[in-house]
mmCIF file of all heavy atoms, coordinates in Angstrom:
data_MODEL
# 
_entry.id   MODEL 
# 
loop_
_atom_site.group_PDB 
_atom_site.id 
_atom_site.type_symbol 
_atom_site.label_atom_id 
_atom_site.label_alt_id 
_atom_site.label_comp_id 
_atom_site.label_asym_id 
_atom_site.label_entity_id 
_atom_site.label_seq_id 
_atom_site.pdbx_PDB_ins_code 
_atom_site.Cartn_x 
_atom_site.Cartn_y 
_atom_site.Cartn_z 
_atom_site.occupancy 
_atom_site.B_iso_or_equiv 
_atom_site.pdbx_formal_charge 
_atom_site.auth_seq_id 
_atom_site.auth_comp_id 
_atom_site.auth_asym_id 
_atom_site.auth_atom_id 
_atom_site.pdbx_PDB_model_num 
ATOM 1   N N   . SER A 1 1  ? 42.569 65.388 -66.717 1.00 0.00 ? 1  SER A N   1 
ATOM 2   C CA  . SER A 1 1  ? 41.800 64.314 -67.117 1.00 0.00 ? 1  SER A CA  1 
ATOM 3   C C   . SER A 1 1  ? 41.464 63.380 -65.926 1.00 0.00 ? 1  SER A C   1 
ATOM 4   O O   . SER A 1 1  ? 42.238 63.359 -64.928 1.00 0.00 ? 1  SER A O   1 
ATOM 5   C CB  . SER A 1 1  ? 42.559 63.552 -68.195 1.00 0.00 ? 1  SER A CB  1 
ATOM 6   O OG  . SER A 1 1  ? 43.813 63.046 -67.725 1.00 0.00 ? 1  SER A OG  1 
ATOM 7   N N   . TYR A 1 2  ? 40.340 62.653 -66.001 1.00 0.00 ? 2  TYR A N   1 
ATOM 8   C CA  . TYR A 1 2  ? 39.823 61.908 -64.909 1.00 0.00 ? 2  TYR A CA  1 
ATOM 9   C C   . TYR A 1 2  ? 40.816 60.886 -64.388 1.00 0.00 ? 2  TYR A C   1 
ATOM 10  O O   . TYR A 1 2  ? 41.014 60.716 -63.140 1.00 0.00 ? 2  TYR A O   1 
ATOM 11  C CB  . TYR A 1 2  ? 38.549 61.166 -65.330 1.00 0.00 ? 2  TYR A CB  1 
ATOM 12  C CG  . TYR A 1 2  ? 37.903 60.384 -64.256 1.00 0.00 ? 2  TYR A CG  1 
ATOM 13  C CD1 . TYR A 1 2  ? 37.326 60.954 -63.158 1.00 0.00 ? 2  TYR A CD1 1 
ATOM 14  C CD2 . TYR A 1 2  ? 37.977 58.968 -64.343 1.00 0.00 ? 2  TYR A CD2 1 
ATOM 15  C CE1 . TYR A 1 2  ? 36.747 60.169 -62.131 1.00 0.00 ? 2  TYR A CE1 1 
ATOM 16  C CE2 . TYR A 1 2  ? 37.345 58.186 -63.349 1.00 0.00 ? 2  TYR A CE2 1 
ATOM 17  C CZ  . TYR A 1 2  ? 36.773 58.829 -62.218 1.00 0.00 ? 2  TYR A CZ  1 
ATOM 18  O OH  . TYR A 1 2  ? 36.230 58.011 -61.301 1.00 0.00 ? 2  TYR A OH  1 
ATOM 19  N N   . GLU A 1 3  ? 41.539 60.217 -65.286 1.00 0.00 ? 3  GLU A N   1 
ATOM 20  C CA  . GLU A 1 3  ? 42.536 59.154 -64.853 1.00 0.00 ? 3  GLU A CA  1 
ATOM 21  C C   . GLU A 1 3  ? 43.917 59.611 -65.036 1.00 0.00 ? 3  GLU A C   1 
ATOM 22  O O   . GLU A 1 3  ? 44.878 58.847 -65.009 1.00 0.00 ? 3  GLU A O   1 
ATOM 23  C CB  . GLU A 1 3  ? 42.251 57.877 -65.671 1.00 0.00 ? 3  GLU A CB  1 
ATOM 24  C CG  . GLU A 1 3  ? 40.880 57.229 -65.397 1.00 0.00 ? 3  GLU A CG  1 
ATOM 25  C CD  . GLU A 1 3  ? 40.753 55.954 -66.188 1.00 0.00 ? 3  GLU A CD  1 
ATOM 26  O OE1 . GLU A 1 3  ? 41.559 55.613 -67.078 1.00 0.00 ? 3  GLU A OE1 1 
ATOM 27  O OE2 . GLU A 1 3  ? 39.750 55.157 -65.896 1.00 0.00 ? 3  GLU A OE2 1 
ATOM 28  N N   . GLY A 1 4  ? 44.144 60.908 -65.252 1.00 0.00 ? 4  GLY A N   1 
ATOM 29  C CA  . GLY A 1 4  ? 45.503 61.439 -65.343 1.00 0.00 ? 4  GLY A CA  1 
ATOM 30  C C   . GLY A 1 4  ? 46.210 61.127 -66.625 1.00 0.00 ? 4  GLY A C   1 
ATOM 31  O O   . GLY A 1 4  ? 47.418 61.317 -66.685 1.00 0.00 ? 4  GLY A O   1 
ATOM 32  N N   . GLY A 1 5  ? 45.453 60.645 -67.657 1.00 0.00 ? 5  GLY A N   1 
ATOM 33  C CA  . GLY A 1 5  ? 46.135 60.280 -68.924 1.00 0.00 ? 5  GLY A CA  1 
ATOM 34  C C   . GLY A 1 5  ? 46.132 61.485 -69.866 1.00 0.00 ? 5  GLY A C   1 
ATOM 35  O O   . GLY A 1 5  ? 45.882 62.660 -69.431 1.00 0.00 ? 5  GLY A O   1 
ATOM 36  N N   . TYR A 1 6  ? 46.375 61.153 -71.110 1.00 0.00 ? 6  TYR A N   1 
ATOM 37  C CA  . TYR A 1 6  ? 46.457 62.283 -72.094 1.00 0.00 ? 6  TYR A CA  1 
ATOM 38  C C   . TYR A 1 6  ? 45.043 62.724 -72.497 1.00 0.00 ? 6  TYR A C   1 
ATOM 39  O O   . TYR A 1 6  ? 44.051 62.000 -72.464 1.00 0.00 ? 6  TYR A O   1 
ATOM 40  C CB  . TYR A 1 6  ? 47.094 61.767 -73.406 1.00 0.00 ? 6  TYR A CB  1 
ATOM 41  C CG  . TYR A 1 6  ? 48.555 61.875 -73.426 1.00 0.00 ? 6  TYR A CG  1 
ATOM 42  C CD1 . TYR A 1 6  ? 49.358 60.868 -72.901 1.00 0.00 ? 6  TYR A CD1 1 
ATOM 43  C CD2 . TYR A 1 6  ? 49.224 62.966 -73.846 1.00 0.00 ? 6  TYR A CD2 1 
ATOM 44  C CE1 . TYR A 1 6  ? 50.797 60.950 -72.935 1.00 0.00 ? 6  TYR A CE1 1 
ATOM 45  C CE2 . TYR A 1 6  ? 50.563 63.138 -73.868 1.00 0.00 ? 6  TYR A CE2 1 
ATOM 46  C CZ  . TYR A 1 6  ? 51.378 62.100 -73.349 1.00 0.00 ? 6  TYR A CZ  1 
ATOM 47  O OH  . TYR A 1 6  ? 52.787 62.206 -73.328 1.00 0.00 ? 6  TYR A OH  1 
ATOM 48  N N   . LYS A 1 7  ? 44.983 64.085 -72.778 1.00 0.00 ? 7  LYS A N   1 
ATOM 49  C CA  . LYS A 1 7  ? 43.817 64.649 -73.382 1.00 0.00 ? 7  LYS A CA  1 
ATOM 50  C C   . LYS A 1 7  ? 44.123 65.037 -74.798 1.00 0.00 ? 7  LYS A C   1 
ATOM 51  O O   . LYS A 1 7  ? 45.114 65.561 -75.055 1.00 0.00 ? 7  LYS A O   1 
ATOM 52  C CB  . LYS A 1 7  ? 43.389 65.938 -72.577 1.00 0.00 ? 7  LYS A CB  1 
ATOM 53  C CG  . LYS A 1 7  ? 42.846 65.668 -71.225 1.00 0.00 ? 7  LYS A CG  1 
ATOM 54  C CD  . LYS A 1 7  ? 42.429 67.036 -70.497 1.00 0.00 ? 7  LYS A CD  1 
ATOM 55  C CE  . LYS A 1 7  ? 43.657 67.858 -70.260 1.00 0.00 ? 7  LYS A CE  1 
ATOM 56  N NZ  . LYS A 1 7  ? 43.310 69.062 -69.475 1.00 0.00 ? 7  LYS A NZ  1 
ATOM 57  N N   . ILE A 1 8  ? 43.198 64.643 -75.673 1.00 0.00 ? 8  ILE A N   1 
ATOM 58  C CA  . ILE A 1 8  ? 43.473 64.848 -77.103 1.00 0.00 ? 8  ILE A CA  1 
ATOM 59  C C   . ILE A 1 8  ? 42.267 65.584 -77.699 1.00 0.00 ? 8  ILE A C   1 
ATOM 60  O O   . ILE A 1 8  ? 41.158 65.274 -77.543 1.00 0.00 ? 8  ILE A O   1 
ATOM 61  C CB  . ILE A 1 8  ? 43.644 63.548 -77.934 1.00 0.00 ? 8  ILE A CB  1 
ATOM 62  C CG1 . ILE A 1 8  ? 44.826 62.734 -77.286 1.00 0.00 ? 8  ILE A CG1 1 
ATOM 63  C CG2 . ILE A 1 8  ? 43.862 63.770 -79.402 1.00 0.00 ? 8  ILE A CG2 1 
ATOM 64  C CD1 . ILE A 1 8  ? 44.969 61.309 -77.870 1.00 0.00 ? 8  ILE A CD1 1 
ATOM 65  N N   . TYR A 1 9  ? 42.634 66.732 -78.370 1.00 0.00 ? 9  TYR A N   1 
ATOM 66  C CA  . TYR A 1 9  ? 41.652 67.600 -79.014 1.00 0.00 ? 9  TYR A CA  1 
ATOM 67  C C   . TYR A 1 9  ? 41.891 67.489 -80.526 1.00 0.00 ? 9  TYR A C   1 
ATOM 68  O O   . TYR A 1 9  ? 43.001 67.740 -81.028 1.00 0.00 ? 9  TYR A O   1 
ATOM 69  C CB  . TYR A 1 9  ? 41.743 69.068 -78.554 1.00 0.00 ? 9  TYR A CB  1 
ATOM 70  C CG  . TYR A 1 9  ? 41.498 69.254 -77.091 1.00 0.00 ? 9  TYR A CG  1 
ATOM 71  C CD1 . TYR A 1 9  ? 42.527 69.143 -76.186 1.00 0.00 ? 9  TYR A CD1 1 
ATOM 72  C CD2 . TYR A 1 9  ? 40.204 69.601 -76.646 1.00 0.00 ? 9  TYR A CD2 1 
ATOM 73  C CE1 . TYR A 1 9  ? 42.317 69.377 -74.817 1.00 0.00 ? 9  TYR A CE1 1 
ATOM 74  C CE2 . TYR A 1 9  ? 39.961 69.736 -75.316 1.00 0.00 ? 9  TYR A CE2 1 
ATOM 75  C CZ  . TYR A 1 9  ? 40.999 69.611 -74.367 1.00 0.00 ? 9  TYR A CZ  1 
ATOM 76  O OH  . TYR A 1 9  ? 40.781 69.842 -73.086 1.00 0.00 ? 9  TYR A OH  1 
ATOM 77  N N   . ILE A 1 10 ? 40.813 67.192 -81.268 1.00 0.00 ? 10 ILE A N   1 
ATOM 78  C CA  . ILE A 1 10 ? 40.849 67.120 -82.709 1.00 0.00 ? 10 ILE A CA  1 
ATOM 79  C C   . ILE A 1 10 ? 40.040 68.283 -83.280 1.00 0.00 ? 10 ILE A C   1 
ATOM 80  O O   . ILE A 1 10 ? 38.860 68.319 -83.086 1.00 0.00 ? 10 ILE A O   1 
ATOM 81  C CB  . ILE A 1 10 ? 40.394 65.810 -83.249 1.00 0.00 ? 10 ILE A CB  1 
ATOM 82  C CG1 . ILE A 1 10 ? 41.273 64.613 -82.677 1.00 0.00 ? 10 ILE A CG1 1 
ATOM 83  C CG2 . ILE A 1 10 ? 40.455 65.770 -84.807 1.00 0.00 ? 10 ILE A CG2 1 
ATOM 84  C CD1 . ILE A 1 10 ? 40.828 63.268 -83.043 1.00 0.00 ? 10 ILE A CD1 1 
ATOM 85  N N   . LEU A 1 11 ? 40.718 69.217 -83.986 1.00 0.00 ? 11 LEU A N   1 
ATOM 86  C CA  . LEU A 1 11 ? 39.963 70.301 -84.591 1.00 0.00 ? 11 LEU A CA  1 
ATOM 87  C C   . LEU A 1 11 ? 39.949 70.036 -86.100 1.00 0.00 ? 11 LEU A C   1 
ATOM 88  O O   . LEU A 1 11 ? 40.900 70.122 -86.744 1.00 0.00 ? 11 LEU A O   1 
ATOM 89  C CB  . LEU A 1 11 ? 40.753 71.603 -84.268 1.00 0.00 ? 11 LEU A CB  1 
ATOM 90  C CG  . LEU A 1 11 ? 40.477 72.314 -82.941 1.00 0.00 ? 11 LEU A CG  1 
ATOM 91  C CD1 . LEU A 1 11 ? 40.922 71.454 -81.810 1.00 0.00 ? 11 LEU A CD1 1 
ATOM 92  C CD2 . LEU A 1 11 ? 41.125 73.623 -82.913 1.00 0.00 ? 11 LEU A CD2 1 
ATOM 93  N N   . TRP A 1 12 ? 38.727 69.790 -86.522 1.00 0.00 ? 12 TRP A N   1 
ATOM 94  C CA  . TRP A 1 12 ? 38.497 69.367 -88.018 1.00 0.00 ? 12 TRP A CA  1 
ATOM 95  C C   . TRP A 1 12 ? 38.317 70.705 -88.778 1.00 0.00 ? 12 TRP A C   1 
ATOM 96  O O   . TRP A 1 12 ? 37.666 71.647 -88.404 1.00 0.00 ? 12 TRP A O   1 
ATOM 97  C CB  . TRP A 1 12 ? 37.223 68.533 -88.097 1.00 0.00 ? 12 TRP A CB  1 
ATOM 98  C CG  . TRP A 1 12 ? 37.057 67.947 -89.413 1.00 0.00 ? 12 TRP A CG  1 
ATOM 99  C CD1 . TRP A 1 12 ? 36.324 68.359 -90.408 1.00 0.00 ? 12 TRP A CD1 1 
ATOM 100 C CD2 . TRP A 1 12 ? 37.650 66.676 -89.849 1.00 0.00 ? 12 TRP A CD2 1 
ATOM 101 N NE1 . TRP A 1 12 ? 36.400 67.555 -91.508 1.00 0.00 ? 12 TRP A NE1 1 
ATOM 102 C CE2 . TRP A 1 12 ? 37.148 66.475 -91.167 1.00 0.00 ? 12 TRP A CE2 1 
ATOM 103 C CE3 . TRP A 1 12 ? 38.480 65.768 -89.275 1.00 0.00 ? 12 TRP A CE3 1 
ATOM 104 C CZ2 . TRP A 1 12 ? 37.490 65.377 -91.859 1.00 0.00 ? 12 TRP A CZ2 1 
ATOM 105 C CZ3 . TRP A 1 12 ? 38.828 64.621 -89.994 1.00 0.00 ? 12 TRP A CZ3 1 
ATOM 106 C CH2 . TRP A 1 12 ? 38.348 64.454 -91.370 1.00 0.00 ? 12 TRP A CH2 1 
ATOM 107 N N   . MET A 1 13 ? 38.987 70.729 -90.009 1.00 0.00 ? 13 MET A N   1 
ATOM 108 C CA  . MET A 1 13 ? 38.848 71.842 -90.901 1.00 0.00 ? 13 MET A CA  1 
ATOM 109 C C   . MET A 1 13 ? 39.301 73.141 -90.237 1.00 0.00 ? 13 MET A C   1 
ATOM 110 O O   . MET A 1 13 ? 38.597 74.195 -90.209 1.00 0.00 ? 13 MET A O   1 
ATOM 111 C CB  . MET A 1 13 ? 37.387 71.989 -91.497 1.00 0.00 ? 13 MET A CB  1 
ATOM 112 C CG  . MET A 1 13 ? 36.862 70.799 -92.226 1.00 0.00 ? 13 MET A CG  1 
ATOM 113 S SD  . MET A 1 13 ? 37.824 70.549 -93.775 1.00 0.00 ? 13 MET A SD  1 
ATOM 114 C CE  . MET A 1 13 ? 37.215 71.822 -94.814 1.00 0.00 ? 13 MET A CE  1 
ATOM 115 N N   . VAL A 1 14 ? 40.506 73.145 -89.678 1.00 0.00 ? 14 VAL A N   1 
ATOM 116 C CA  . VAL A 1 14 ? 40.976 74.301 -88.900 1.00 0.00 ? 14 VAL A CA  1 
ATOM 117 C C   . VAL A 1 14 ? 41.221 75.523 -89.782 1.00 0.00 ? 14 VAL A C   1 
ATOM 118 O O   . VAL A 1 14 ? 41.217 76.606 -89.251 1.00 0.00 ? 14 VAL A O   1 
ATOM 119 C CB  . VAL A 1 14 ? 42.287 73.870 -88.176 1.00 0.00 ? 14 VAL A CB  1 
ATOM 120 C CG1 . VAL A 1 14 ? 43.429 73.728 -89.176 1.00 0.00 ? 14 VAL A CG1 1 
ATOM 121 C CG2 . VAL A 1 14 ? 42.585 74.896 -87.058 1.00 0.00 ? 14 VAL A CG2 1 
ATOM 122 N N   . GLU A 1 15 ? 41.249 75.360 -91.110 1.00 0.00 ? 15 GLU A N   1 
ATOM 123 C CA  . GLU A 1 15 ? 41.390 76.536 -91.952 1.00 0.00 ? 15 GLU A CA  1 
ATOM 124 C C   . GLU A 1 15 ? 40.166 77.405 -91.965 1.00 0.00 ? 15 GLU A C   1 
ATOM 125 O O   . GLU A 1 15 ? 40.167 78.537 -92.482 1.00 0.00 ? 15 GLU A O   1 
ATOM 126 C CB  . GLU A 1 15 ? 41.775 76.096 -93.389 1.00 0.00 ? 15 GLU A CB  1 
ATOM 127 C CG  . GLU A 1 15 ? 40.735 75.335 -94.117 1.00 0.00 ? 15 GLU A CG  1 
ATOM 128 C CD  . GLU A 1 15 ? 40.927 73.811 -94.026 1.00 0.00 ? 15 GLU A CD  1 
ATOM 129 O OE1 . GLU A 1 15 ? 41.156 73.351 -92.954 1.00 0.00 ? 15 GLU A OE1 1 
ATOM 130 O OE2 . GLU A 1 15 ? 40.779 73.151 -95.064 1.00 0.00 ? 15 GLU A OE2 1 
ATOM 131 N N   . ARG A 1 16 ? 39.030 76.840 -91.437 1.00 0.00 ? 16 ARG A N   1 
ATOM 132 C CA  . ARG A 1 16 ? 37.867 77.569 -91.353 1.00 0.00 ? 16 ARG A CA  1 
ATOM 133 C C   . ARG A 1 16 ? 37.625 78.266 -89.983 1.00 0.00 ? 16 ARG A C   1 
ATOM 134 O O   . ARG A 1 16 ? 36.548 78.804 -89.694 1.00 0.00 ? 16 ARG A O   1 
ATOM 135 C CB  . ARG A 1 16 ? 36.615 76.732 -91.699 1.00 0.00 ? 16 ARG A CB  1 
ATOM 136 C CG  . ARG A 1 16 ? 36.603 76.171 -93.078 1.00 0.00 ? 16 ARG A CG  1 
ATOM 137 C CD  . ARG A 1 16 ? 35.386 75.440 -93.442 1.00 0.00 ? 16 ARG A CD  1 
ATOM 138 N NE  . ARG A 1 16 ? 35.415 74.883 -94.766 1.00 0.00 ? 16 ARG A NE  1 
ATOM 139 C CZ  . ARG A 1 16 ? 34.497 74.182 -95.391 1.00 0.00 ? 16 ARG A CZ  1 
ATOM 140 N NH1 . ARG A 1 16 ? 33.329 73.942 -94.757 1.00 0.00 ? 16 ARG A NH1 1 
ATOM 141 N NH2 . ARG A 1 16 ? 34.580 73.701 -96.565 1.00 0.00 ? 16 ARG A NH2 1 
ATOM 142 N N   . LEU A 1 17 ? 38.609 78.237 -89.188 1.00 0.00 ? 17 LEU A N   1 
ATOM 143 C CA  . LEU A 1 17 ? 38.484 78.846 -87.867 1.00 0.00 ? 17 LEU A CA  1 
ATOM 144 C C   . LEU A 1 17 ? 38.315 80.395 -88.038 1.00 0.00 ? 17 LEU A C   1 
ATOM 145 O O   . LEU A 1 17 ? 39.075 80.987 -88.800 1.00 0.00 ? 17 LEU A O   1 
ATOM 146 C CB  . LEU A 1 17 ? 39.849 78.613 -87.124 1.00 0.00 ? 17 LEU A CB  1 
ATOM 147 C CG  . LEU A 1 17 ? 39.925 79.068 -85.661 1.00 0.00 ? 17 LEU A CG  1 
ATOM 148 C CD1 . LEU A 1 17 ? 39.007 78.387 -84.760 1.00 0.00 ? 17 LEU A CD1 1 
ATOM 149 C CD2 . LEU A 1 17 ? 41.379 79.017 -85.199 1.00 0.00 ? 17 LEU A CD2 1 
ATOM 150 N N   . TYR A 1 18 ? 37.384 80.928 -87.331 1.00 0.00 ? 18 TYR A N   1 
ATOM 151 C CA  . TYR A 1 18 ? 37.078 82.289 -87.410 1.00 0.00 ? 18 TYR A CA  1 
ATOM 152 C C   . TYR A 1 18 ? 38.326 83.177 -87.039 1.00 0.00 ? 18 TYR A C   1 
ATOM 153 O O   . TYR A 1 18 ? 38.983 82.818 -85.984 1.00 0.00 ? 18 TYR A O   1 
ATOM 154 C CB  . TYR A 1 18 ? 35.926 82.691 -86.515 1.00 0.00 ? 18 TYR A CB  1 
ATOM 155 C CG  . TYR A 1 18 ? 34.542 82.299 -87.009 1.00 0.00 ? 18 TYR A CG  1 
ATOM 156 C CD1 . TYR A 1 18 ? 34.428 81.458 -88.102 1.00 0.00 ? 18 TYR A CD1 1 
ATOM 157 C CD2 . TYR A 1 18 ? 33.401 82.655 -86.340 1.00 0.00 ? 18 TYR A CD2 1 
ATOM 158 C CE1 . TYR A 1 18 ? 33.159 81.094 -88.555 1.00 0.00 ? 18 TYR A CE1 1 
ATOM 159 C CE2 . TYR A 1 18 ? 32.106 82.302 -86.731 1.00 0.00 ? 18 TYR A CE2 1 
ATOM 160 C CZ  . TYR A 1 18 ? 32.020 81.503 -87.822 1.00 0.00 ? 18 TYR A CZ  1 
ATOM 161 O OH  . TYR A 1 18 ? 30.802 81.042 -88.301 1.00 0.00 ? 18 TYR A OH  1 
ATOM 162 N N   . HIS A 1 19 ? 38.576 84.165 -87.768 1.00 0.00 ? 19 HIS A N   1 
ATOM 163 C CA  . HIS A 1 19 ? 39.746 85.101 -87.396 1.00 0.00 ? 19 HIS A CA  1 
ATOM 164 C C   . HIS A 1 19 ? 39.646 85.659 -85.984 1.00 0.00 ? 19 HIS A C   1 
ATOM 165 O O   . HIS A 1 19 ? 40.663 85.809 -85.296 1.00 0.00 ? 19 HIS A O   1 
ATOM 166 C CB  . HIS A 1 19 ? 39.867 86.196 -88.431 1.00 0.00 ? 19 HIS A CB  1 
ATOM 167 C CG  . HIS A 1 19 ? 40.398 85.742 -89.801 1.00 0.00 ? 19 HIS A CG  1 
ATOM 168 N ND1 . HIS A 1 19 ? 41.515 86.320 -90.372 1.00 0.00 ? 19 HIS A ND1 1 
ATOM 169 C CD2 . HIS A 1 19 ? 39.989 84.761 -90.648 1.00 0.00 ? 19 HIS A CD2 1 
ATOM 170 C CE1 . HIS A 1 19 ? 41.768 85.700 -91.546 1.00 0.00 ? 19 HIS A CE1 1 
ATOM 171 N NE2 . HIS A 1 19 ? 40.894 84.774 -91.693 1.00 0.00 ? 19 HIS A NE2 1 
ATOM 172 N N   . ALA A 1 20 ? 38.343 85.939 -85.594 1.00 0.00 ? 20 ALA A N   1 
ATOM 173 C CA  . ALA A 1 20 ? 38.149 86.507 -84.271 1.00 0.00 ? 20 ALA A CA  1 
ATOM 174 C C   . ALA A 1 20 ? 38.531 85.503 -83.162 1.00 0.00 ? 20 ALA A C   1 
ATOM 175 O O   . ALA A 1 20 ? 38.808 85.848 -82.048 1.00 0.00 ? 20 ALA A O   1 
ATOM 176 C CB  . ALA A 1 20 ? 36.801 87.092 -84.135 1.00 0.00 ? 20 ALA A CB  1 
ATOM 177 N N   . ALA A 1 21 ? 38.241 84.242 -83.538 1.00 0.00 ? 21 ALA A N   1 
ATOM 178 C CA  . ALA A 1 21 ? 38.417 83.137 -82.567 1.00 0.00 ? 21 ALA A CA  1 
ATOM 179 C C   . ALA A 1 21 ? 39.819 82.617 -82.405 1.00 0.00 ? 21 ALA A C   1 
ATOM 180 O O   . ALA A 1 21 ? 40.241 82.190 -81.281 1.00 0.00 ? 21 ALA A O   1 
ATOM 181 C CB  . ALA A 1 21 ? 37.528 81.985 -82.893 1.00 0.00 ? 21 ALA A CB  1 
ATOM 182 N N   . ALA A 1 22 ? 40.629 82.734 -83.470 1.00 0.00 ? 22 ALA A N   1 
ATOM 183 C CA  . ALA A 1 22 ? 41.965 82.246 -83.465 1.00 0.00 ? 22 ALA A CA  1 
ATOM 184 C C   . ALA A 1 22 ? 42.883 82.730 -82.310 1.00 0.00 ? 22 ALA A C   1 
ATOM 185 O O   . ALA A 1 22 ? 43.565 81.914 -81.665 1.00 0.00 ? 22 ALA A O   1 
ATOM 186 C CB  . ALA A 1 22 ? 42.667 82.527 -84.838 1.00 0.00 ? 22 ALA A CB  1 
ATOM 187 N N   . PRO A 1 23 ? 42.908 84.080 -81.982 1.00 0.00 ? 23 PRO A N   1 
ATOM 188 C CA  . PRO A 1 23 ? 43.708 84.531 -80.880 1.00 0.00 ? 23 PRO A CA  1 
ATOM 189 C C   . PRO A 1 23 ? 43.424 83.782 -79.495 1.00 0.00 ? 23 PRO A C   1 
ATOM 190 O O   . PRO A 1 23 ? 44.368 83.745 -78.687 1.00 0.00 ? 23 PRO A O   1 
ATOM 191 C CB  . PRO A 1 23 ? 43.410 86.004 -80.762 1.00 0.00 ? 23 PRO A CB  1 
ATOM 192 C CG  . PRO A 1 23 ? 42.970 86.433 -82.089 1.00 0.00 ? 23 PRO A CG  1 
ATOM 193 C CD  . PRO A 1 23 ? 42.179 85.192 -82.646 1.00 0.00 ? 23 PRO A CD  1 
ATOM 194 N N   . LYS A 1 24 ? 42.247 83.313 -79.361 1.00 0.00 ? 24 LYS A N   1 
ATOM 195 C CA  . LYS A 1 24 ? 41.887 82.612 -78.157 1.00 0.00 ? 24 LYS A CA  1 
ATOM 196 C C   . LYS A 1 24 ? 42.695 81.408 -77.941 1.00 0.00 ? 24 LYS A C   1 
ATOM 197 O O   . LYS A 1 24 ? 42.990 80.946 -76.811 1.00 0.00 ? 24 LYS A O   1 
ATOM 198 C CB  . LYS A 1 24 ? 40.399 82.224 -78.207 1.00 0.00 ? 24 LYS A CB  1 
ATOM 199 C CG  . LYS A 1 24 ? 39.385 83.330 -77.904 1.00 0.00 ? 24 LYS A CG  1 
ATOM 200 C CD  . LYS A 1 24 ? 39.230 83.555 -76.398 1.00 0.00 ? 24 LYS A CD  1 
ATOM 201 C CE  . LYS A 1 24 ? 38.110 84.456 -76.084 1.00 0.00 ? 24 LYS A CE  1 
ATOM 202 N NZ  . LYS A 1 24 ? 37.933 84.640 -74.620 1.00 0.00 ? 24 LYS A NZ  1 
ATOM 203 N N   . LEU A 1 25 ? 43.089 80.719 -79.089 1.00 0.00 ? 25 LEU A N   1 
ATOM 204 C CA  . LEU A 1 25 ? 43.822 79.432 -79.001 1.00 0.00 ? 25 LEU A CA  1 
ATOM 205 C C   . LEU A 1 25 ? 45.292 79.528 -78.978 1.00 0.00 ? 25 LEU A C   1 
ATOM 206 O O   . LEU A 1 25 ? 45.967 78.595 -78.727 1.00 0.00 ? 25 LEU A O   1 
ATOM 207 C CB  . LEU A 1 25 ? 43.362 78.522 -80.071 1.00 0.00 ? 25 LEU A CB  1 
ATOM 208 C CG  . LEU A 1 25 ? 41.916 77.914 -80.026 1.00 0.00 ? 25 LEU A CG  1 
ATOM 209 C CD1 . LEU A 1 25 ? 41.689 77.015 -81.251 1.00 0.00 ? 25 LEU A CD1 1 
ATOM 210 C CD2 . LEU A 1 25 ? 41.858 77.067 -78.700 1.00 0.00 ? 25 LEU A CD2 1 
# 
């Protein structure tokens, strides 16, 4: 991160994540 602080990712409706995409994460 630019200032060395926390990076926060919010994944909305994660139950709809594609099965093919899940292994990536």
